[in-house]
């Protein structure tokens, strides 16, 4: 483990396990090293496939992963290590990485110009449109069509407006929803009681797909209706009491 001292950092052996990504992130944080872990985690799936098994990803998807890694590497070496990245690569390899990065950036810019066609009933979701990824291959290269449907430039799959919205809801709120479920907290997103899409955003009290909005306060006891009970005017306890009275 890295331990900061006045004259630098010393290293102390702890345990018998090798350092995984989670431990690496903790160590970076403890040393005050800035790193874009969100972008790193975006390419984790394809990295694992290439390292351990094989990947079915097409060339453009792999180029996208390399481009993102290239940016992370450049920033880390120059900002944290104070090293010019170009001096550590052979000219041939450096030029390959540069070309791949330019191809991806051109595709990304073309896709970003179509973001204006994204449509949703959510007030907040559109602010995160640049974060959307393909539901099938995970690529960021989604082109939108008038009306809100989309097409992935990497794998070629097309998605209706509804699935495109659900994909962005999962991108923006999925991680928080997973943590909430793991810690026994209230869900962040639930299935919409009207259209059944996993796109009902609790903090907005609205479905990002169909715009359905449900009561969030019980009309009998004035307490908040738990997220898992969205779909009526009463919390489950009050509904039970009403049913007993009937």
Protein backbone atom coordinates (compact mmCIF):
# COMPACT_ATOMS: atom_id res chain seq x y z
CA UNK A 1 0.00 0.00 0.00
CA UNK A 2 1.27 3.51 -0.79
CA UNK A 3 1.92 5.63 2.27
CA UNK A 4 2.55 9.35 1.89
CA UNK A 5 5.45 10.83 3.84
CA UNK A 6 7.14 14.22 3.86
CA UNK A 7 9.99 13.01 1.65
CA UNK A 8 7.78 11.07 -0.79
CA UNK A 9 5.84 7.80 -0.92
CA UNK A 10 6.88 4.48 0.59
CA UNK A 11 5.32 1.11 -0.20
CA UNK A 12 4.20 -1.47 2.35
CA UNK A 13 3.20 -5.00 1.44
CA UNK A 14 -0.30 -5.93 2.65
CA UNK A 15 -2.05 -9.26 2.02
CA UNK A 16 -1.38 -11.78 -0.75
CA UNK A 17 -3.71 -10.58 -3.52
CA UNK A 18 -2.67 -8.71 -6.63
CA UNK A 19 -4.05 -5.23 -7.12
CA UNK A 20 -7.34 -5.16 -9.03
CA UNK A 21 -9.03 -2.15 -10.62
CA UNK A 22 -11.01 -1.29 -7.48
CA UNK A 23 -7.87 -1.31 -5.33
CA UNK A 24 -6.06 0.74 -7.93
CA UNK A 25 -8.81 3.36 -7.86
CA UNK A 26 -8.57 3.53 -4.06
CA UNK A 27 -4.81 4.01 -4.23
CA UNK A 28 -5.08 6.74 -6.84
CA UNK A 29 -7.57 8.57 -4.64
CA UNK A 30 -5.38 8.22 -1.55
CA UNK A 31 -2.44 9.70 -3.46
CA UNK A 32 -4.47 12.51 -4.98
CA UNK A 33 -4.01 11.19 -8.52
CA UNK A 34 -6.75 12.35 -10.89
CA UNK A 35 -8.04 9.80 -13.38
CA UNK A 36 -11.19 9.44 -15.49
CA UNK A 37 -12.46 6.15 -14.06
CA UNK A 38 -15.84 6.53 -15.72
CA UNK A 39 -14.29 6.48 -19.17
CA UNK A 40 -11.96 3.67 -18.14
CA UNK A 41 -14.88 1.53 -16.96
CA UNK A 42 -16.72 2.13 -20.25
CA UNK A 43 -14.11 0.05 -22.06
CA UNK A 44 -13.77 -2.56 -19.33
CA UNK A 45 -15.97 -5.17 -21.03
CA UNK A 46 -14.12 -5.22 -24.32
CA UNK A 47 -10.77 -5.11 -22.51
CA UNK A 48 -11.72 -8.21 -20.50
CA UNK A 49 -12.86 -10.02 -23.65
CA UNK A 50 -9.61 -9.31 -25.46
CA UNK A 51 -7.45 -10.21 -22.45
CA UNK A 52 -9.16 -13.40 -21.30
CA UNK A 53 -11.22 -14.86 -24.15
CA UNK A 54 -12.02 -13.38 -27.54
CA UNK A 55 -14.15 -10.50 -28.69
CA UNK A 56 -16.96 -10.38 -31.23
CA UNK A 57 -16.66 -6.61 -31.42
CA UNK A 58 -16.22 -5.19 -34.92
CA UNK A 59 -13.14 -3.11 -35.89
CA UNK A 60 -14.84 0.25 -35.32
CA UNK A 61 -15.83 -0.71 -31.75
CA UNK A 62 -12.25 -1.79 -31.03
CA UNK A 63 -10.94 1.44 -32.55
CA UNK A 64 -13.27 3.38 -30.27
CA UNK A 65 -11.86 1.55 -27.22
CA UNK A 66 -8.29 2.26 -28.37
CA UNK A 67 -9.13 5.92 -28.92
CA UNK A 68 -10.52 6.27 -25.40
CA UNK A 69 -7.49 4.49 -23.95
CA UNK A 70 -5.21 6.70 -26.01
CA UNK A 71 -6.78 9.82 -24.48
CA UNK A 72 -6.53 8.41 -20.95
CA UNK A 73 -2.91 7.44 -21.50
CA UNK A 74 -1.95 10.83 -22.93
CA UNK A 75 -3.54 12.72 -20.05
CA UNK A 76 -2.13 10.44 -17.33
CA UNK A 77 1.43 10.46 -18.66
CA UNK A 78 1.58 14.18 -19.29
CA UNK A 79 -0.33 15.42 -16.22
CA UNK A 80 0.61 12.89 -13.52
CA UNK A 81 3.95 11.46 -14.67
CA UNK A 82 5.18 14.63 -16.42
CA UNK A 83 6.24 12.54 -19.43
CA UNK A 84 5.72 13.32 -23.11
CA UNK A 85 3.80 10.20 -24.30
CA UNK A 86 5.20 10.45 -27.81
CA UNK A 87 8.72 9.82 -26.52
CA UNK A 88 7.70 6.42 -25.12
CA UNK A 89 6.27 4.91 -28.31
CA UNK A 90 7.83 3.87 -31.55
CA UNK A 91 6.93 6.30 -34.35
CA UNK A 92 4.99 3.64 -36.28
CA UNK A 93 2.79 2.71 -33.30
CA UNK A 94 2.29 6.35 -32.32
CA UNK A 95 1.07 7.19 -35.83
CA UNK A 96 -1.34 4.22 -35.79
CA UNK A 97 -2.84 5.44 -32.51
CA UNK A 98 -3.09 8.99 -33.83
CA UNK A 99 -4.92 7.80 -36.97
CA UNK A 100 -7.33 5.64 -34.95
CA UNK A 101 -8.07 8.57 -32.66
CA UNK A 102 -8.78 10.85 -35.61
CA UNK A 103 -11.17 8.31 -37.20
CA UNK A 104 -13.11 7.92 -33.95
CA UNK A 105 -13.27 11.67 -33.29
CA UNK A 106 -14.64 12.28 -36.80
CA UNK A 107 -17.35 9.65 -36.28
CA UNK A 108 -18.17 11.02 -32.82
CA UNK A 109 -18.55 14.56 -34.11
CA UNK A 110 -20.89 13.36 -36.87
CA UNK A 111 -22.98 11.48 -34.28
CA UNK A 112 -23.06 14.38 -31.82
CA UNK A 113 -24.58 16.63 -34.48
CA UNK A 114 -27.64 14.32 -34.51
CA UNK A 115 -28.20 14.53 -30.74
CA UNK A 116 -30.72 17.30 -31.41
CA UNK A 117 -33.15 14.63 -32.62
CA UNK A 118 -33.27 12.90 -29.22
CA UNK A 119 -36.74 13.09 -27.66
CA UNK A 120 -37.85 12.23 -24.13
CA UNK A 121 -40.56 13.15 -21.62
CA UNK A 122 -37.87 13.60 -18.97
CA UNK A 123 -36.76 17.15 -18.19
CA UNK A 124 -33.24 16.09 -17.22
CA UNK A 125 -32.37 13.17 -19.48
CA UNK A 126 -31.52 15.26 -22.54
CA UNK A 127 -28.71 16.96 -20.61
CA UNK A 128 -26.88 13.60 -20.56
CA UNK A 129 -27.30 12.67 -24.21
CA UNK A 130 -23.54 12.69 -24.83
CA UNK A 131 -23.22 9.79 -22.37
CA UNK A 132 -25.48 7.37 -24.26
CA UNK A 133 -24.07 4.08 -25.51
CA UNK A 134 -25.37 1.35 -27.79
CA UNK A 135 -27.56 -1.16 -25.87
CA UNK A 136 -26.00 -4.01 -27.85
CA UNK A 137 -22.26 -3.29 -28.21
CA UNK A 138 -21.66 -0.40 -25.83
CA UNK A 139 -20.32 1.98 -28.46
CA UNK A 140 -20.78 5.75 -28.07
CA UNK A 141 -21.33 6.13 -31.79
CA UNK A 142 -25.12 6.40 -31.91
CA UNK A 143 -26.72 8.49 -34.65
CA UNK A 144 -30.22 9.81 -34.06
CA UNK A 145 -32.94 10.21 -36.63
CA UNK A 146 -35.82 12.71 -36.60
CA UNK A 147 -38.42 11.23 -34.28
CA UNK A 148 -35.93 9.87 -31.73
CA UNK A 149 -34.90 6.47 -33.12
CA UNK A 150 -31.19 5.71 -33.40
CA UNK A 151 -28.61 3.64 -35.26
CA UNK A 152 -25.26 2.40 -33.98
CA UNK A 153 -22.39 3.23 -36.33
CA UNK A 154 -20.28 0.49 -34.78
CA UNK A 155 -22.49 -2.63 -34.85
CA UNK A 156 -25.16 -1.39 -37.27
CA UNK A 157 -28.13 -2.15 -35.01
CA UNK A 158 -31.13 0.21 -35.06
CA UNK A 159 -33.28 1.08 -32.07
CA UNK A 160 -36.76 2.49 -31.75
CA UNK A 161 -37.28 5.68 -29.77
CA UNK A 162 -38.47 3.80 -26.67
CA UNK A 163 -35.43 1.53 -26.44
CA UNK A 164 -33.10 4.45 -27.07
CA UNK A 165 -34.62 6.33 -24.12
CA UNK A 166 -34.41 3.27 -21.85
CA UNK A 167 -30.73 2.89 -22.82
CA UNK A 168 -29.97 6.45 -21.74
CA UNK A 169 -31.99 6.07 -18.52
CA UNK A 170 -29.87 3.02 -17.68
CA UNK A 171 -26.66 4.90 -18.54
CA UNK A 172 -27.52 7.87 -16.33
CA UNK A 173 -29.28 6.15 -13.43
CA UNK A 174 -28.36 2.46 -13.69
CA UNK A 175 -25.25 2.57 -11.49
CA UNK A 176 -27.03 4.50 -8.72
CA UNK A 177 -29.98 2.11 -8.93
CA UNK A 178 -27.63 -0.88 -8.57
CA UNK A 179 -25.96 0.65 -5.50
CA UNK A 180 -29.37 1.45 -4.00
CA UNK A 181 -30.51 -2.15 -4.48
CA UNK A 182 -27.28 -3.48 -2.99
CA UNK A 183 -27.58 -1.25 0.08
CA UNK A 184 -31.31 -1.86 0.56
CA UNK A 185 -32.25 1.71 -0.33
CA UNK A 186 -35.15 2.93 -2.46
CA UNK A 187 -34.88 2.26 -6.22
CA UNK A 188 -33.81 5.13 -8.44
CA UNK A 189 -35.71 3.89 -11.49
CA UNK A 190 -38.67 1.48 -11.72
CA UNK A 191 -40.92 0.01 -14.39
CA UNK A 192 -43.54 2.51 -15.50
CA UNK A 193 -47.05 1.45 -14.36
CA UNK A 194 -48.45 2.76 -17.66
CA UNK A 195 -46.05 1.61 -20.44
CA UNK A 196 -44.07 -0.97 -18.41
CA UNK A 197 -40.71 0.41 -19.62
CA UNK A 198 -37.85 0.57 -17.07
CA UNK A 199 -37.82 4.33 -17.43
CA UNK A 200 -39.84 5.77 -14.54
CA UNK A 201 -37.41 8.17 -12.84
CA UNK A 202 -38.26 8.47 -9.14
CA UNK A 203 -36.67 11.88 -8.57
CA UNK A 204 -38.75 13.32 -11.42
CA UNK A 205 -41.91 11.31 -10.64
CA UNK A 206 -42.22 10.80 -14.37
CA UNK A 207 -41.64 8.16 -17.05
CA UNK A 208 -39.04 9.25 -19.56
CA UNK A 209 -40.78 7.25 -22.30
CA UNK A 210 -44.50 7.97 -22.03
CA UNK A 211 -44.56 10.90 -19.60
CA UNK A 212 -46.77 9.11 -17.07
CA UNK A 213 -46.65 10.80 -13.66
CA UNK A 214 -47.91 9.10 -10.50
CA UNK A 215 -48.72 10.28 -6.99
CA UNK A 216 -45.64 10.28 -4.75
CA UNK A 217 -47.52 11.15 -1.53
CA UNK A 218 -50.17 8.91 -0.02
CA UNK A 219 -53.56 10.66 -0.05
CA UNK A 220 -54.59 8.95 3.19
CA UNK A 221 -51.57 9.32 5.51
CA UNK A 222 -49.58 11.99 3.61
CA UNK A 223 -46.41 9.89 3.77
CA UNK A 224 -44.19 9.27 0.76
CA UNK A 225 -45.21 6.32 -1.37
CA UNK A 226 -42.23 3.92 -1.62
CA UNK A 227 -40.70 3.71 -5.09
CA UNK A 228 -41.61 0.06 -5.40
CA UNK A 229 -45.29 0.90 -4.83
CA UNK A 230 -45.61 3.62 -7.48
CA UNK A 231 -48.84 3.18 -9.41
CA UNK A 232 -51.62 4.27 -7.09
CA UNK A 233 -52.80 7.05 -4.80
CA UNK A 234 -52.06 5.21 -1.55
CA UNK A 235 -49.13 3.48 0.10
CA UNK A 236 -49.49 -0.28 0.53
CA UNK A 237 -50.38 -0.01 4.23
CA UNK A 238 -53.19 2.48 3.62
CA UNK A 239 -54.43 0.52 0.63
CA UNK A 240 -54.58 -2.56 2.85
CA UNK A 241 -56.59 -0.66 5.47
CA UNK A 242 -58.97 0.66 2.83
CA UNK A 243 -59.48 -2.85 1.44
CA UNK A 244 -60.22 -4.14 4.97
CA UNK A 245 -62.80 -1.37 5.53
CA UNK A 246 -64.45 -2.25 2.21
